[in-house]
Amino acid sequence: MKNLKLKSARAAMDMSQQQLADAVCVSRQTINAIEKGDYNPTINLCISICKALGKTLDELFWNE
């Protein structure tokens, strides 16, 4: 499932995939794969992404 919450949070911070990838020490392709739903990140990566975007795990990764 696509992670549109991550994509919109990143866009709201005016951050490119590359900038987010650099902030959390992964490749741009990893961020792209997470947003497309092709890759399930580790909990540590989820936490790093949340910190970089100022969001909680629930806000970005919880599916209702």
C-alpha atoms as a PDB file:
ATOM      1  CA  MET A   1       0.000   0.000   0.000  1.00  0.00           C
ATOM      2  CA  LYS A   2       1.296   3.450  -0.912  1.00  0.00           C
ATOM      3  CA  ASN A   3       2.377   5.658   1.954  1.00  0.00           C
ATOM      4  CA  LEU A   4       0.721   8.905   0.937  1.00  0.00           C
ATOM      5  CA  LYS A   5       0.997  10.230   4.507  1.00  0.00           C
ATOM      6  CA  LEU A   6       4.786  10.076   4.283  1.00  0.00           C
ATOM      7  CA  LYS A   7       4.806  11.695   0.861  1.00  0.00           C
ATOM      8  CA  SER A   8       2.520  14.534   1.930  1.00  0.00           C
ATOM      9  CA  ALA A   9       4.447  15.136   5.186  1.00  0.00           C
ATOM     10  CA  ARG A  10       7.687  15.308   3.203  1.00  0.00           C
ATOM     11  CA  ALA A  11       6.137  17.694   0.678  1.00  0.00           C
ATOM     12  CA  ALA A  12       4.706  19.871   3.462  1.00  0.00           C
ATOM     13  CA  MET A  13       8.260  20.347   4.756  1.00  0.00           C
ATOM     14  CA  ASP A  14       9.337  21.237   1.185  1.00  0.00           C
ATOM     15  CA  MET A  15      11.775  18.329   1.318  1.00  0.00           C
ATOM     16  CA  SER A  16      12.810  16.224  -1.661  1.00  0.00           C
ATOM     17  CA  GLN A  17      13.170  12.458  -1.471  1.00  0.00           C
ATOM     18  CA  GLN A  18      16.935  12.966  -1.636  1.00  0.00           C
ATOM     19  CA  GLN A  19      16.942  15.447   1.241  1.00  0.00           C
ATOM     20  CA  LEU A  20      14.933  13.073   3.432  1.00  0.00           C
ATOM     21  CA  ALA A  21      17.151  10.170   2.413  1.00  0.00           C
ATOM     22  CA  ASP A  22      20.255  12.160   3.364  1.00  0.00           C
ATOM     23  CA  ALA A  23      18.690  13.097   6.712  1.00  0.00           C
ATOM     24  CA  VAL A  24      18.057   9.451   7.626  1.00  0.00           C
ATOM     25  CA  CYS A  25      21.149   7.936   5.947  1.00  0.00           C
ATOM     26  CA  VAL A  26      19.470   5.843   3.251  1.00  0.00           C
ATOM     27  CA  SER A  27      19.272   6.093  -0.532  1.00  0.00           C
ATOM     28  CA  ARG A  28      16.676   8.144  -2.382  1.00  0.00           C
ATOM     29  CA  GLN A  29      15.484   4.865  -3.900  1.00  0.00           C
ATOM     30  CA  THR A  30      14.659   3.574  -0.410  1.00  0.00           C
ATOM     31  CA  ILE A  31      12.464   6.595   0.321  1.00  0.00           C
ATOM     32  CA  ASN A  32      10.802   6.195  -3.074  1.00  0.00           C
ATOM     33  CA  ALA A  33      10.148   2.480  -2.422  1.00  0.00           C
ATOM     34  CA  ILE A  34       8.608   3.251   0.998  1.00  0.00           C
ATOM     35  CA  GLU A  35       6.327   5.902  -0.514  1.00  0.00           C
ATOM     36  CA  LYS A  36       5.277   3.523  -3.304  1.00  0.00           C
ATOM     37  CA  GLY A  37       4.616   0.717  -0.818  1.00  0.00           C
ATOM     38  CA  ASP A  38       7.281  -1.537  -2.295  1.00  0.00           C
ATOM     39  CA  TYR A  39       9.400  -1.647   0.880  1.00  0.00           C
ATOM     40  CA  ASN A  40       8.557  -2.002   4.565  1.00  0.00           C
ATOM     41  CA  PRO A  41      11.138  -0.044   6.549  1.00  0.00           C
ATOM     42  CA  THR A  42      12.584  -1.227   9.829  1.00  0.00           C
ATOM     43  CA  ILE A  43      11.230   0.314  13.005  1.00  0.00           C
ATOM     44  CA  ASN A  44      14.514   2.204  13.435  1.00  0.00           C
ATOM     45  CA  LEU A  45      14.175   3.720   9.965  1.00  0.00           C
ATOM     46  CA  CYS A  46      10.528   4.599  10.670  1.00  0.00           C
ATOM     47  CA  ILE A  47      11.602   6.398  13.842  1.00  0.00           C
ATOM     48  CA  SER A  48      14.356   8.275  11.995  1.00  0.00           C
ATOM     49  CA  ILE A  49      11.923   9.370   9.295  1.00  0.00           C
ATOM     50  CA  CYS A  50       9.430  10.537  11.919  1.00  0.00           C
ATOM     51  CA  LYS A  51      12.090  12.567  13.715  1.00  0.00           C
ATOM     52  CA  ALA A  52      13.244  14.147  10.445  1.00  0.00           C
ATOM     53  CA  LEU A  53       9.676  15.153   9.571  1.00  0.00           C
ATOM     54  CA  GLY A  54       8.518  16.066  13.075  1.00  0.00           C
ATOM     55  CA  LYS A  55       5.761  13.440  13.048  1.00  0.00           C
ATOM     56  CA  THR A  56       4.803  10.439  15.162  1.00  0.00           C
ATOM     57  CA  LEU A  57       4.822   6.804  14.075  1.00  0.00           C
ATOM     58  CA  ASP A  58       1.021   6.826  14.190  1.00  0.00           C
ATOM     59  CA  GLU A  59       0.824   9.881  11.945  1.00  0.00           C
ATOM     60  CA  LEU A  60       3.022   8.383   9.212  1.00  0.00           C
ATOM     61  CA  PHE A  61       2.870   4.614   9.432  1.00  0.00           C
ATOM     62  CA  TRP A  62      -0.372   3.541  11.127  1.00  0.00           C
ATOM     63  CA  ASN A  63      -3.064   2.261   8.751  1.00  0.00           C
ATOM     64  CA  GLU A  64      -6.611   2.573  10.005  1.00  0.00           C
END
